[in-house]
Amino acid sequence: DSEVDIQTAANAKMLCISVLWGFRKK
């Protein structure tokens, strides 16, 4: 749900799905 997750996925060379019910806005 966060920018940390987006960067984590990129660093792990994975696709990332960002959920919109969590702690960050779209």
mmCIF file of all heavy atoms, coordinates in Angstrom:
data_MODEL
# 
_entry.id   MODEL 
# 
loop_
_atom_site.group_PDB 
_atom_site.id 
_atom_site.type_symbol 
_atom_site.label_atom_id 
_atom_site.label_alt_id 
_atom_site.label_comp_id 
_atom_site.label_asym_id 
_atom_site.label_entity_id 
_atom_site.label_seq_id 
_atom_site.pdbx_PDB_ins_code 
_atom_site.Cartn_x 
_atom_site.Cartn_y 
_atom_site.Cartn_z 
_atom_site.occupancy 
_atom_site.B_iso_or_equiv 
_atom_site.pdbx_formal_charge 
_atom_site.auth_seq_id 
_atom_site.auth_comp_id 
_atom_site.auth_asym_id 
_atom_site.auth_atom_id 
_atom_site.pdbx_PDB_model_num 
ATOM 1   N N   . ASP A 1 1  ? 0.801  -1.232  0.000   1.00 0.00 ? 1  ASP A N   1 
ATOM 2   C CA  . ASP A 1 1  ? 0.000  0.000   0.000   1.00 0.00 ? 1  ASP A CA  1 
ATOM 3   C C   . ASP A 1 1  ? 0.828  1.274   0.000   1.00 0.00 ? 1  ASP A C   1 
ATOM 4   O O   . ASP A 1 1  ? 0.265  2.367   0.035   1.00 0.00 ? 1  ASP A O   1 
ATOM 5   C CB  . ASP A 1 1  ? -0.923 0.027   1.226   1.00 0.00 ? 1  ASP A CB  1 
ATOM 6   C CG  . ASP A 1 1  ? -0.151 0.265   2.514   1.00 0.00 ? 1  ASP A CG  1 
ATOM 7   O OD1 . ASP A 1 1  ? 0.773  -0.526  2.815   1.00 0.00 ? 1  ASP A OD1 1 
ATOM 8   O OD2 . ASP A 1 1  ? -0.445 1.244   3.203   1.00 0.00 ? 1  ASP A OD2 1 
ATOM 9   N N   . SER A 1 2  ? 2.158  1.168   -0.053  1.00 0.00 ? 2  SER A N   1 
ATOM 10  C CA  . SER A 1 2  ? 2.972  2.359   0.147   1.00 0.00 ? 2  SER A CA  1 
ATOM 11  C C   . SER A 1 2  ? 4.062  2.505   -0.898  1.00 0.00 ? 2  SER A C   1 
ATOM 12  O O   . SER A 1 2  ? 4.332  1.594   -1.695  1.00 0.00 ? 2  SER A O   1 
ATOM 13  C CB  . SER A 1 2  ? 3.620  2.323   1.534   1.00 0.00 ? 2  SER A CB  1 
ATOM 14  O OG  . SER A 1 2  ? 4.704  1.406   1.541   1.00 0.00 ? 2  SER A OG  1 
ATOM 15  N N   . GLU A 1 3  ? 4.728  3.676   -0.842  1.00 0.00 ? 3  GLU A N   1 
ATOM 16  C CA  . GLU A 1 3  ? 5.865  3.933   -1.718  1.00 0.00 ? 3  GLU A CA  1 
ATOM 17  C C   . GLU A 1 3  ? 7.027  2.996   -1.394  1.00 0.00 ? 3  GLU A C   1 
ATOM 18  O O   . GLU A 1 3  ? 7.801  2.614   -2.285  1.00 0.00 ? 3  GLU A O   1 
ATOM 19  C CB  . GLU A 1 3  ? 6.299  5.396   -1.599  1.00 0.00 ? 3  GLU A CB  1 
ATOM 20  C CG  . GLU A 1 3  ? 7.007  5.793   -0.320  1.00 0.00 ? 3  GLU A CG  1 
ATOM 21  C CD  . GLU A 1 3  ? 6.095  5.986   0.877   1.00 0.00 ? 3  GLU A CD  1 
ATOM 22  O OE1 . GLU A 1 3  ? 4.878  5.690   0.782   1.00 0.00 ? 3  GLU A OE1 1 
ATOM 23  O OE2 . GLU A 1 3  ? 6.580  6.430   1.931   1.00 0.00 ? 3  GLU A OE2 1 
ATOM 24  N N   . VAL A 1 4  ? 7.145  2.594   -0.145  1.00 0.00 ? 4  VAL A N   1 
ATOM 25  C CA  . VAL A 1 4  ? 8.185  1.642   0.245   1.00 0.00 ? 4  VAL A CA  1 
ATOM 26  C C   . VAL A 1 4  ? 7.973  0.311   -0.469  1.00 0.00 ? 4  VAL A C   1 
ATOM 27  O O   . VAL A 1 4  ? 8.925  -0.328  -0.931  1.00 0.00 ? 4  VAL A O   1 
ATOM 28  C CB  . VAL A 1 4  ? 8.199  1.446   1.775   1.00 0.00 ? 4  VAL A CB  1 
ATOM 29  C CG1 . VAL A 1 4  ? 9.196  0.358   2.179   1.00 0.00 ? 4  VAL A CG1 1 
ATOM 30  C CG2 . VAL A 1 4  ? 8.536  2.750   2.474   1.00 0.00 ? 4  VAL A CG2 1 
ATOM 31  N N   . ASP A 1 5  ? 6.723  -0.105  -0.588  1.00 0.00 ? 5  ASP A N   1 
ATOM 32  C CA  . ASP A 1 5  ? 6.416  -1.365  -1.261  1.00 0.00 ? 5  ASP A CA  1 
ATOM 33  C C   . ASP A 1 5  ? 6.725  -1.299  -2.758  1.00 0.00 ? 5  ASP A C   1 
ATOM 34  O O   . ASP A 1 5  ? 7.222  -2.268  -3.339  1.00 0.00 ? 5  ASP A O   1 
ATOM 35  C CB  . ASP A 1 5  ? 4.949  -1.733  -1.034  1.00 0.00 ? 5  ASP A CB  1 
ATOM 36  C CG  . ASP A 1 5  ? 4.627  -1.931  0.435   1.00 0.00 ? 5  ASP A CG  1 
ATOM 37  O OD1 . ASP A 1 5  ? 5.427  -2.591  1.124   1.00 0.00 ? 5  ASP A OD1 1 
ATOM 38  O OD2 . ASP A 1 5  ? 3.598  -1.429  0.895   1.00 0.00 ? 5  ASP A OD2 1 
ATOM 39  N N   . ILE A 1 6  ? 6.424  -0.170  -3.371  1.00 0.00 ? 6  ILE A N   1 
ATOM 40  C CA  . ILE A 1 6  ? 6.731  0.006   -4.795  1.00 0.00 ? 6  ILE A CA  1 
ATOM 41  C C   . ILE A 1 6  ? 8.231  -0.127  -5.033  1.00 0.00 ? 6  ILE A C   1 
ATOM 42  O O   . ILE A 1 6  ? 8.681  -0.843  -5.937  1.00 0.00 ? 6  ILE A O   1 
ATOM 43  C CB  . ILE A 1 6  ? 6.229  1.380   -5.291  1.00 0.00 ? 6  ILE A CB  1 
ATOM 44  C CG1 . ILE A 1 6  ? 4.709  1.457   -5.196  1.00 0.00 ? 6  ILE A CG1 1 
ATOM 45  C CG2 . ILE A 1 6  ? 6.685  1.639   -6.727  1.00 0.00 ? 6  ILE A CG2 1 
ATOM 46  C CD1 . ILE A 1 6  ? 4.154  2.862   -5.359  1.00 0.00 ? 6  ILE A CD1 1 
ATOM 47  N N   . GLN A 1 7  ? 9.021  0.548   -4.196  1.00 0.00 ? 7  GLN A N   1 
ATOM 48  C CA  . GLN A 1 7  ? 10.473 0.502   -4.350  1.00 0.00 ? 7  GLN A CA  1 
ATOM 49  C C   . GLN A 1 7  ? 11.025 -0.878  -4.014  1.00 0.00 ? 7  GLN A C   1 
ATOM 50  O O   . GLN A 1 7  ? 11.963 -1.361  -4.654  1.00 0.00 ? 7  GLN A O   1 
ATOM 51  C CB  . GLN A 1 7  ? 11.132 1.557   -3.468  1.00 0.00 ? 7  GLN A CB  1 
ATOM 52  C CG  . GLN A 1 7  ? 12.624 1.728   -3.738  1.00 0.00 ? 7  GLN A CG  1 
ATOM 53  C CD  . GLN A 1 7  ? 12.915 2.125   -5.164  1.00 0.00 ? 7  GLN A CD  1 
ATOM 54  O OE1 . GLN A 1 7  ? 12.374 3.114   -5.645  1.00 0.00 ? 7  GLN A OE1 1 
ATOM 55  N NE2 . GLN A 1 7  ? 13.755 1.366   -5.857  1.00 0.00 ? 7  GLN A NE2 1 
ATOM 56  N N   . THR A 1 8  ? 10.433 -1.516  -3.001  1.00 0.00 ? 8  THR A N   1 
ATOM 57  C CA  . THR A 1 8  ? 10.858 -2.872  -2.645  1.00 0.00 ? 8  THR A CA  1 
ATOM 58  C C   . THR A 1 8  ? 10.678 -3.823  -3.814  1.00 0.00 ? 8  THR A C   1 
ATOM 59  O O   . THR A 1 8  ? 11.576 -4.612  -4.142  1.00 0.00 ? 8  THR A O   1 
ATOM 60  C CB  . THR A 1 8  ? 10.059 -3.384  -1.433  1.00 0.00 ? 8  THR A CB  1 
ATOM 61  O OG1 . THR A 1 8  ? 10.262 -2.507  -0.326  1.00 0.00 ? 8  THR A OG1 1 
ATOM 62  C CG2 . THR A 1 8  ? 10.476 -4.794  -1.053  1.00 0.00 ? 8  THR A CG2 1 
ATOM 63  N N   . ALA A 1 9  ? 9.504  -3.765  -4.428  1.00 0.00 ? 9  ALA A N   1 
ATOM 64  C CA  . ALA A 1 9  ? 9.230  -4.637  -5.579  1.00 0.00 ? 9  ALA A CA  1 
ATOM 65  C C   . ALA A 1 9  ? 10.216 -4.365  -6.707  1.00 0.00 ? 9  ALA A C   1 
ATOM 66  O O   . ALA A 1 9  ? 10.735 -5.299  -7.338  1.00 0.00 ? 9  ALA A O   1 
ATOM 67  C CB  . ALA A 1 9  ? 7.799  -4.434  -6.049  1.00 0.00 ? 9  ALA A CB  1 
ATOM 68  N N   . ALA A 1 10 ? 10.476 -3.091  -6.976  1.00 0.00 ? 10 ALA A N   1 
ATOM 69  C CA  . ALA A 1 10 ? 11.435 -2.741  -8.033  1.00 0.00 ? 10 ALA A CA  1 
ATOM 70  C C   . ALA A 1 10 ? 12.822 -3.300  -7.713  1.00 0.00 ? 10 ALA A C   1 
ATOM 71  O O   . ALA A 1 10 ? 13.496 -3.866  -8.593  1.00 0.00 ? 10 ALA A O   1 
ATOM 72  C CB  . ALA A 1 10 ? 11.489 -1.233  -8.205  1.00 0.00 ? 10 ALA A CB  1 
ATOM 73  N N   . ASN A 1 11 ? 13.239 -3.163  -6.458  1.00 0.00 ? 11 ASN A N   1 
ATOM 74  C CA  . ASN A 1 11 ? 14.561 -3.657  -6.060  1.00 0.00 ? 11 ASN A CA  1 
ATOM 75  C C   . ASN A 1 11 ? 14.643 -5.179  -6.121  1.00 0.00 ? 11 ASN A C   1 
ATOM 76  O O   . ASN A 1 11 ? 15.721 -5.740  -6.351  1.00 0.00 ? 11 ASN A O   1 
ATOM 77  C CB  . ASN A 1 11 ? 14.897 -3.179  -4.654  1.00 0.00 ? 11 ASN A CB  1 
ATOM 78  C CG  . ASN A 1 11 ? 15.141 -1.678  -4.598  1.00 0.00 ? 11 ASN A CG  1 
ATOM 79  O OD1 . ASN A 1 11 ? 15.429 -1.055  -5.618  1.00 0.00 ? 11 ASN A OD1 1 
ATOM 80  N ND2 . ASN A 1 11 ? 15.018 -1.096  -3.419  1.00 0.00 ? 11 ASN A ND2 1 
ATOM 81  N N   . ALA A 1 12 ? 13.519 -5.846  -5.915  1.00 0.00 ? 12 ALA A N   1 
ATOM 82  C CA  . ALA A 1 12 ? 13.475 -7.313  -5.985  1.00 0.00 ? 12 ALA A CA  1 
ATOM 83  C C   . ALA A 1 12 ? 13.161 -7.812  -7.389  1.00 0.00 ? 12 ALA A C   1 
ATOM 84  O O   . ALA A 1 12 ? 13.042 -9.011  -7.608  1.00 0.00 ? 12 ALA A O   1 
ATOM 85  C CB  . ALA A 1 12 ? 12.432 -7.853  -5.007  1.00 0.00 ? 12 ALA A CB  1 
ATOM 86  N N   . LYS A 1 13 ? 12.996 -6.847  -8.342  1.00 0.00 ? 13 LYS A N   1 
ATOM 87  C CA  . LYS A 1 13 ? 12.697 -7.173  -9.739  1.00 0.00 ? 13 LYS A CA  1 
ATOM 88  C C   . LYS A 1 13 ? 11.378 -7.939  -9.876  1.00 0.00 ? 13 LYS A C   1 
ATOM 89  O O   . LYS A 1 13 ? 11.274 -8.936  -10.595 1.00 0.00 ? 13 LYS A O   1 
ATOM 90  C CB  . LYS A 1 13 ? 13.858 -7.933  -10.378 1.00 0.00 ? 13 LYS A CB  1 
ATOM 91  C CG  . LYS A 1 13 ? 15.148 -7.125  -10.432 1.00 0.00 ? 13 LYS A CG  1 
ATOM 92  C CD  . LYS A 1 13 ? 16.293 -7.905  -11.043 1.00 0.00 ? 13 LYS A CD  1 
ATOM 93  C CE  . LYS A 1 13 ? 17.494 -7.011  -11.285 1.00 0.00 ? 13 LYS A CE  1 
ATOM 94  N NZ  . LYS A 1 13 ? 17.954 -6.266  -10.104 1.00 0.00 ? 13 LYS A NZ  1 
ATOM 95  N N   . MET A 1 14 ? 10.361 -7.412  -9.148  1.00 0.00 ? 14 MET A N   1 
ATOM 96  C CA  . MET A 1 14 ? 9.022  -7.994  -9.171  1.00 0.00 ? 14 MET A CA  1 
ATOM 97  C C   . MET A 1 14 ? 8.012  -6.951  -9.613  1.00 0.00 ? 14 MET A C   1 
ATOM 98  O O   . MET A 1 14 ? 8.216  -5.752  -9.439  1.00 0.00 ? 14 MET A O   1 
ATOM 99  C CB  . MET A 1 14 ? 8.629  -8.478  -7.765  1.00 0.00 ? 14 MET A CB  1 
ATOM 100 C CG  . MET A 1 14 ? 9.455  -9.615  -7.233  1.00 0.00 ? 14 MET A CG  1 
ATOM 101 S SD  . MET A 1 14 ? 9.155  -9.870  -5.455  1.00 0.00 ? 14 MET A SD  1 
ATOM 102 C CE  . MET A 1 14 ? 7.408  -10.272 -5.450  1.00 0.00 ? 14 MET A CE  1 
ATOM 103 N N   . LEU A 1 15 ? 6.899  -7.423  -10.156 1.00 0.00 ? 15 LEU A N   1 
ATOM 104 C CA  . LEU A 1 15 ? 5.770  -6.544  -10.385 1.00 0.00 ? 15 LEU A CA  1 
ATOM 105 C C   . LEU A 1 15 ? 5.130  -6.193  -9.042  1.00 0.00 ? 15 LEU A C   1 
ATOM 106 O O   . LEU A 1 15 ? 5.203  -6.974  -8.090  1.00 0.00 ? 15 LEU A O   1 
ATOM 107 C CB  . LEU A 1 15 ? 4.735  -7.226  -11.276 1.00 0.00 ? 15 LEU A CB  1 
ATOM 108 C CG  . LEU A 1 15 ? 5.142  -7.497  -12.731 1.00 0.00 ? 15 LEU A CG  1 
ATOM 109 C CD1 . LEU A 1 15 ? 4.012  -8.214  -13.460 1.00 0.00 ? 15 LEU A CD1 1 
ATOM 110 C CD2 . LEU A 1 15 ? 5.497  -6.204  -13.446 1.00 0.00 ? 15 LEU A CD2 1 
ATOM 111 N N   . CYS A 1 16 ? 4.487  -5.016  -8.985  1.00 0.00 ? 16 CYS A N   1 
ATOM 112 C CA  . CYS A 1 16 ? 3.852  -4.577  -7.750  1.00 0.00 ? 16 CYS A CA  1 
ATOM 113 C C   . CYS A 1 16 ? 2.426  -4.129  -8.019  1.00 0.00 ? 16 CYS A C   1 
ATOM 114 O O   . CYS A 1 16 ? 2.170  -3.377  -8.972  1.00 0.00 ? 16 CYS A O   1 
ATOM 115 C CB  . CYS A 1 16 ? 4.633  -3.411  -7.147  1.00 0.00 ? 16 CYS A CB  1 
ATOM 116 S SG  . CYS A 1 16 ? 3.967  -2.794  -5.575  1.00 0.00 ? 16 CYS A SG  1 
ATOM 117 N N   . ILE A 1 17 ? 1.501  -4.599  -7.191  1.00 0.00 ? 17 ILE A N   1 
ATOM 118 C CA  . ILE A 1 17 ? 0.120  -4.106  -7.189  1.00 0.00 ? 17 ILE A CA  1 
ATOM 119 C C   . ILE A 1 17 ? -0.036 -3.218  -5.963  1.00 0.00 ? 17 ILE A C   1 
ATOM 120 O O   . ILE A 1 17 ? 0.225  -3.652  -4.831  1.00 0.00 ? 17 ILE A O   1 
ATOM 121 C CB  . ILE A 1 17 ? -0.892 -5.253  -7.145  1.00 0.00 ? 17 ILE A CB  1 
ATOM 122 C CG1 . ILE A 1 17 ? -0.746 -6.150  -8.375  1.00 0.00 ? 17 ILE A CG1 1 
ATOM 123 C CG2 . ILE A 1 17 ? -2.326 -4.707  -7.051  1.00 0.00 ? 17 ILE A CG2 1 
ATOM 124 C CD1 . ILE A 1 17 ? -1.606 -7.405  -8.336  1.00 0.00 ? 17 ILE A CD1 1 
ATOM 125 N N   . SER A 1 18 ? -0.445 -1.973  -6.182  1.00 0.00 ? 18 SER A N   1 
ATOM 126 C CA  . SER A 1 18 ? -0.646 -1.024  -5.079  1.00 0.00 ? 18 SER A CA  1 
ATOM 127 C C   . SER A 1 18 ? -2.114 -0.986  -4.696  1.00 0.00 ? 18 SER A C   1 
ATOM 128 O O   . SER A 1 18 ? -2.973 -0.712  -5.542  1.00 0.00 ? 18 SER A O   1 
ATOM 129 C CB  . SER A 1 18 ? -0.187 0.378   -5.502  1.00 0.00 ? 18 SER A CB  1 
ATOM 130 O OG  . SER A 1 18 ? 1.201  0.400   -5.759  1.00 0.00 ? 18 SER A OG  1 
ATOM 131 N N   . VAL A 1 19 ? -2.402 -1.268  -3.427  1.00 0.00 ? 19 VAL A N   1 
ATOM 132 C CA  . VAL A 1 19 ? -3.786 -1.268  -2.963  1.00 0.00 ? 19 VAL A CA  1 
ATOM 133 C C   . VAL A 1 19 ? -4.162 0.125   -2.472  1.00 0.00 ? 19 VAL A C   1 
ATOM 134 O O   . VAL A 1 19 ? -3.316 0.861   -1.952  1.00 0.00 ? 19 VAL A O   1 
ATOM 135 C CB  . VAL A 1 19 ? -4.014 -2.326  -1.865  1.00 0.00 ? 19 VAL A CB  1 
ATOM 136 C CG1 . VAL A 1 19 ? -3.554 -3.705  -2.341  1.00 0.00 ? 19 VAL A CG1 1 
ATOM 137 C CG2 . VAL A 1 19 ? -3.306 -1.956  -0.562  1.00 0.00 ? 19 VAL A CG2 1 
ATOM 138 N N   . LEU A 1 20 ? -5.424 0.474   -2.634  1.00 0.00 ? 20 LEU A N   1 
ATOM 139 C CA  . LEU A 1 20 ? -5.879 1.834   -2.344  1.00 0.00 ? 20 LEU A CA  1 
ATOM 140 C C   . LEU A 1 20 ? -6.713 1.936   -1.072  1.00 0.00 ? 20 LEU A C   1 
ATOM 141 O O   . LEU A 1 20 ? -7.251 3.001   -0.776  1.00 0.00 ? 20 LEU A O   1 
ATOM 142 C CB  . LEU A 1 20 ? -6.678 2.377   -3.539  1.00 0.00 ? 20 LEU A CB  1 
ATOM 143 C CG  . LEU A 1 20 ? -5.901 2.442   -4.854  1.00 0.00 ? 20 LEU A CG  1 
ATOM 144 C CD1 . LEU A 1 20 ? -6.788 2.974   -5.971  1.00 0.00 ? 20 LEU A CD1 1 
ATOM 145 C CD2 . LEU A 1 20 ? -4.654 3.301   -4.714  1.00 0.00 ? 20 LEU A CD2 1 
ATOM 146 N N   . TRP A 1 21 ? -6.798 0.845   -0.304  1.00 0.00 ? 21 TRP A N   1 
ATOM 147 C CA  . TRP A 1 21 ? -7.552 0.891   0.956   1.00 0.00 ? 21 TRP A CA  1 
ATOM 148 C C   . TRP A 1 21 ? -6.612 1.103   2.158   1.00 0.00 ? 21 TRP A C   1 
ATOM 149 O O   . TRP A 1 21 ? -7.066 1.138   3.287   1.00 0.00 ? 21 TRP A O   1 
ATOM 150 C CB  . TRP A 1 21 ? -8.355 -0.392  1.156   1.00 0.00 ? 21 TRP A CB  1 
ATOM 151 C CG  . TRP A 1 21 ? -7.524 -1.644  1.177   1.00 0.00 ? 21 TRP A CG  1 
ATOM 152 C CD1 . TRP A 1 21 ? -6.777 -2.133  2.223   1.00 0.00 ? 21 TRP A CD1 1 
ATOM 153 C CD2 . TRP A 1 21 ? -7.345 -2.573  0.104   1.00 0.00 ? 21 TRP A CD2 1 
ATOM 154 N NE1 . TRP A 1 21 ? -6.150 -3.302  1.871   1.00 0.00 ? 21 TRP A NE1 1 
ATOM 155 C CE2 . TRP A 1 21 ? -6.494 -3.600  0.574   1.00 0.00 ? 21 TRP A CE2 1 
ATOM 156 C CE3 . TRP A 1 21 ? -7.829 -2.642  -1.199  1.00 0.00 ? 21 TRP A CE3 1 
ATOM 157 C CZ2 . TRP A 1 21 ? -6.104 -4.673  -0.228  1.00 0.00 ? 21 TRP A CZ2 1 
ATOM 158 C CZ3 . TRP A 1 21 ? -7.453 -3.716  -1.995  1.00 0.00 ? 21 TRP A CZ3 1 
ATOM 159 C CH2 . TRP A 1 21 ? -6.603 -4.710  -1.510  1.00 0.00 ? 21 TRP A CH2 1 
ATOM 160 N N   . GLY A 1 22 ? -5.323 1.255   1.901   1.00 0.00 ? 22 GLY A N   1 
ATOM 161 C CA  . GLY A 1 22 ? -4.353 1.312   2.988   1.00 0.00 ? 22 GLY A CA  1 
ATOM 162 C C   . GLY A 1 22 ? -4.005 2.709   3.442   1.00 0.00 ? 22 GLY A C   1 
ATOM 163 O O   . GLY A 1 22 ? -4.874 3.574   3.569   1.00 0.00 ? 22 GLY A O   1 
ATOM 164 N N   . PHE A 1 23 ? -2.701 2.967   3.635   1.00 0.00 ? 23 PHE A N   1 
ATOM 165 C CA  . PHE A 1 23 ? -2.243 4.171   4.317   1.00 0.00 ? 23 PHE A CA  1 
ATOM 166 C C   . PHE A 1 23 ? -1.808 5.292   3.377   1.00 0.00 ? 23 PHE A C   1 
ATOM 167 O O   . PHE A 1 23 ? -1.379 6.346   3.841   1.00 0.00 ? 23 PHE A O   1 
ATOM 168 C CB  . PHE A 1 23 ? -1.077 3.832   5.257   1.00 0.00 ? 23 PHE A CB  1 
ATOM 169 C CG  . PHE A 1 23 ? -1.431 2.850   6.348   1.00 0.00 ? 23 PHE A CG  1 
ATOM 170 C CD1 . PHE A 1 23 ? -0.432 2.162   7.023   1.00 0.00 ? 23 PHE A CD1 1 
ATOM 171 C CD2 . PHE A 1 23 ? -2.749 2.608   6.712   1.00 0.00 ? 23 PHE A CD2 1 
ATOM 172 C CE1 . PHE A 1 23 ? -0.736 1.257   8.034   1.00 0.00 ? 23 PHE A CE1 1 
ATOM 173 C CE2 . PHE A 1 23 ? -3.070 1.713   7.725   1.00 0.00 ? 23 PHE A CE2 1 
ATOM 174 C CZ  . PHE A 1 23 ? -2.063 1.036   8.381   1.00 0.00 ? 23 PHE A CZ  1 
ATOM 175 N N   . ARG A 1 24 ? -1.858 5.080   2.058   1.00 0.00 ? 24 ARG A N   1 
ATOM 176 C CA  . ARG A 1 24 ? -1.440 6.106   1.114   1.00 0.00 ? 24 ARG A CA  1 
ATOM 177 C C   . ARG A 1 24 ? -2.535 6.335   0.070   1.00 0.00 ? 24 ARG A C   1 
ATOM 178 O O   . ARG A 1 24 ? -3.267 5.422   -0.294  1.00 0.00 ? 24 ARG A O   1 
ATOM 179 C CB  . ARG A 1 24 ? -0.144 5.702   0.403   1.00 0.00 ? 24 ARG A CB  1 
ATOM 180 C CG  . ARG A 1 24 ? 1.026  5.423   1.319   1.00 0.00 ? 24 ARG A CG  1 
ATOM 181 C CD  . ARG A 1 24 ? 1.576  6.677   1.972   1.00 0.00 ? 24 ARG A CD  1 
ATOM 182 N NE  . ARG A 1 24 ? 2.829  6.399   2.664   1.00 0.00 ? 24 ARG A NE  1 
ATOM 183 C CZ  . ARG A 1 24 ? 2.924  6.064   3.938   1.00 0.00 ? 24 ARG A CZ  1 
ATOM 184 N NH1 . ARG A 1 24 ? 1.835  5.934   4.697   1.00 0.00 ? 24 ARG A NH1 1 
ATOM 185 N NH2 . ARG A 1 24 ? 4.111  5.836   4.486   1.00 0.00 ? 24 ARG A NH2 1 
ATOM 186 N N   . LYS A 1 25 ? -2.592 7.569   -0.439  1.00 0.00 ? 25 LYS A N   1 
ATOM 187 C CA  . LYS A 1 25 ? -3.573 7.929   -1.461  1.00 0.00 ? 25 LYS A CA  1 
ATOM 188 C C   . LYS A 1 25 ? -3.044 7.600   -2.855  1.00 0.00 ? 25 LYS A C   1 
ATOM 189 O O   . LYS A 1 25 ? -1.828 7.539   -3.084  1.00 0.00 ? 25 LYS A O   1 
ATOM 190 C CB  . LYS A 1 25 ? -3.918 9.411   -1.363  1.00 0.00 ? 25 LYS A CB  1 
ATOM 191 C CG  . LYS A 1 25 ? -4.600 9.797   -0.060  1.00 0.00 ? 25 LYS A CG  1 
ATOM 192 C CD  . LYS A 1 25 ? -4.998 11.258  -0.064  1.00 0.00 ? 25 LYS A CD  1 
ATOM 193 C CE  . LYS A 1 25 ? -5.648 11.646  1.273   1.00 0.00 ? 25 LYS A CE  1 
ATOM 194 N NZ  . LYS A 1 25 ? -6.884 10.885  1.515   1.00 0.00 ? 25 LYS A NZ  1 
ATOM 195 N N   . LYS A 1 26 ? -3.964 7.443   -3.817  1.00 0.00 ? 26 LYS A N   1 
ATOM 196 C CA  . LYS A 1 26 ? -3.589 7.060   -5.172  1.00 0.00 ? 26 LYS A CA  1 
ATOM 197 C C   . LYS A 1 26 ? -2.655 8.082   -5.799  1.00 0.00 ? 26 LYS A C   1 
ATOM 198 O O   . LYS A 1 26 ? -1.676 7.716   -6.469  1.00 0.00 ? 26 LYS A O   1 
ATOM 199 C CB  . LYS A 1 26 ? -4.838 6.881   -6.035  1.00 0.00 ? 26 LYS A CB  1 
ATOM 200 C CG  . LYS A 1 26 ? -4.525 6.379   -7.437  1.00 0.00 ? 26 LYS A CG  1 
ATOM 201 C CD  . LYS A 1 26 ? -5.794 6.100   -8.228  1.00 0.00 ? 26 LYS A CD  1 
ATOM 202 C CE  . LYS A 1 26 ? -5.448 5.531   -9.602  1.00 0.00 ? 26 LYS A CE  1 
ATOM 203 N NZ  . LYS A 1 26 ? -6.681 5.204   -10.386 1.00 0.00 ? 26 LYS A NZ  1 
# 
